[in-house]
Protein backbone atom coordinates (compact mmCIF):
# COMPACT_ATOMS: atom_id res chain seq x y z
CA MET A 1 -15.00 -14.79 18.45
CA LYS A 2 -14.74 -11.03 18.76
CA ASN A 3 -11.15 -11.47 19.99
CA LEU A 4 -10.28 -13.22 16.73
CA PHE A 5 -11.44 -10.22 14.68
CA HIS A 6 -10.14 -7.60 17.12
CA ASP A 7 -7.38 -6.26 14.83
CA ILE A 8 -9.73 -5.74 11.90
CA LEU A 9 -12.52 -4.19 13.96
CA ASP A 10 -10.09 -1.77 15.62
CA MET A 11 -8.83 -0.37 12.31
CA ASP A 12 -9.80 3.22 11.74
CA GLY A 13 -12.62 3.33 9.20
CA VAL A 14 -13.84 -0.27 9.53
CA HIS A 15 -17.62 -0.21 10.04
CA GLY A 16 -18.32 -3.85 10.77
CA LEU A 17 -17.70 -7.48 9.94
CA VAL A 18 -19.89 -10.50 9.21
CA LEU A 19 -18.80 -14.14 9.04
CA LEU A 20 -21.16 -16.28 6.95
CA SER A 21 -21.47 -20.01 6.45
CA GLU A 22 -21.50 -21.45 2.92
CA ASN A 23 -25.30 -21.26 2.87
CA GLY A 24 -25.37 -17.61 4.00
CA THR A 25 -26.20 -18.15 7.68
CA VAL A 26 -24.66 -15.49 9.91
CA LEU A 27 -22.11 -17.17 12.20
CA PHE A 28 -20.75 -13.96 13.70
CA GLU A 29 -21.38 -10.28 13.24
CA SER A 30 -19.80 -7.36 14.99
CA PRO A 31 -22.19 -5.08 16.87
CA ASP A 32 -21.53 -2.29 14.34
CA SER A 33 -22.33 -4.47 11.32
CA VAL A 34 -26.11 -4.14 11.67
CA GLN A 35 -26.02 -1.25 9.19
CA PHE A 36 -24.93 -3.51 6.33
CA ARG A 37 -27.16 -6.49 7.09
CA PRO A 38 -29.65 -7.22 4.30
CA GLN A 39 -33.14 -6.24 5.37
CA ARG A 40 -35.98 -8.75 5.19
CA SER A 41 -37.43 -7.05 2.13
CA MET A 42 -34.09 -7.31 0.37
CA LEU A 43 -32.08 -10.32 -0.72
CA SER A 44 -30.66 -12.78 1.80
CA TRP A 45 -26.91 -13.23 2.21
CA LYS A 46 -27.18 -16.51 0.29
CA SER A 47 -28.85 -14.72 -2.63
CA ILE A 48 -26.18 -12.03 -2.63
CA ILE A 49 -23.37 -14.61 -2.62
CA ASP A 50 -25.04 -16.54 -5.43
CA LEU A 51 -25.40 -13.35 -7.50
CA LEU A 52 -21.71 -12.57 -7.11
CA GLY A 53 -20.71 -15.94 -8.53
CA ASP A 54 -17.50 -17.83 -7.88
CA PHE A 55 -14.82 -15.67 -6.26
CA GLN A 56 -11.88 -15.93 -3.87
CA GLU A 57 -11.97 -12.29 -2.83
CA MET A 58 -13.85 -9.24 -3.99
CA ASN A 59 -13.61 -5.54 -3.24
CA LEU A 60 -16.90 -3.77 -3.87
CA ILE A 61 -16.46 0.00 -4.12
CA PHE A 62 -19.32 2.40 -3.44
CA GLU A 63 -19.55 6.17 -3.27
CA LEU A 64 -19.21 6.33 0.52
CA GLY A 65 -17.24 3.18 1.28
CA ARG A 66 -16.24 -0.36 0.40
CA CYS A 67 -17.15 -3.92 1.20
CA TYR A 68 -14.42 -6.54 1.10
CA LEU A 69 -15.63 -10.12 0.65
CA ARG A 70 -13.33 -13.06 1.15
CA GLN A 71 -14.10 -16.72 0.74
CA THR A 72 -13.04 -18.88 3.68
CA GLU A 73 -12.81 -22.65 3.90
CA ASN A 74 -16.20 -22.66 5.64
CA GLY A 75 -18.01 -19.73 4.07
CA TYR A 76 -17.44 -16.01 3.59
CA LEU A 77 -16.11 -13.02 5.46
CA ALA A 78 -17.60 -9.59 4.69
CA ILE A 79 -15.99 -6.40 5.98
CA SER A 80 -17.65 -3.00 5.60
CA MET A 81 -15.27 -0.04 5.63
CA GLY A 82 -14.74 3.54 4.62
CA PRO A 83 -12.95 4.49 1.41
CA MET A 84 -9.60 5.27 3.06
CA VAL A 85 -8.95 1.99 4.90
CA SER A 86 -5.74 0.25 3.83
CA MET A 87 -6.64 -2.81 1.75
CA ALA A 88 -3.14 -4.18 2.34
CA MET A 89 -3.78 -4.22 6.10
CA ILE A 90 -7.24 -5.76 5.65
CA LYS A 91 -5.85 -8.53 3.44
CA LEU A 92 -2.90 -9.17 5.77
CA SER A 93 -5.24 -9.42 8.77
CA CYS A 94 -7.48 -11.83 6.86
CA ASP A 95 -4.45 -13.95 5.89
CA ILE A 96 -3.61 -14.26 9.58
CA ILE A 97 -7.17 -14.97 10.76
CA LEU A 98 -8.42 -17.38 8.08
CA PRO A 99 -6.24 -20.36 9.07
CA GLN A 100 -7.79 -20.13 12.55
CA LEU A 101 -11.27 -20.56 11.05
CA LYS A 102 -10.56 -23.92 9.41
CA LYS A 103 -12.77 -26.86 10.26
CA THR A 104 -11.45 -29.34 12.74
CA LYS A 105 -11.83 -32.97 11.75
CA THR A 106 -13.43 -33.96 15.05
CA GLY A 107 -16.06 -31.34 15.78
CA GLY A 108 -16.41 -29.34 12.62
CA PHE A 109 -17.10 -25.63 12.56
CA ARG A 110 -19.64 -25.81 15.42
CA SER A 111 -17.01 -26.84 17.96
CA PHE A 112 -15.10 -23.64 17.21
CA PHE A 113 -18.03 -21.51 18.41
CA ARG A 114 -18.71 -23.52 21.57
CA ARG A 115 -15.47 -22.47 23.24
């Protein structure tokens, strides 16, 4: 799975990446993404997604960085990055990766992770 996200994770200024199912379960997270994982005392990913409402993509801007959220066919992709990362490159990389995350009719999303 890490090979699939290699181009995004190697971009200068990208802090980490989390792939979530529709119900907020973490399907993949880069080793560096621990810093932007909700803590137990905070909201769960599902709660955060529900609070944000219906969206295709969202760019959350903070004082020290950004979080790009993108809806996939099977859930959500969250990318934590610094303020100077090229959004055009992030979006292009997501456009290339997302078709590879689609469900297969035979095994569903689980079969993708068993390989």
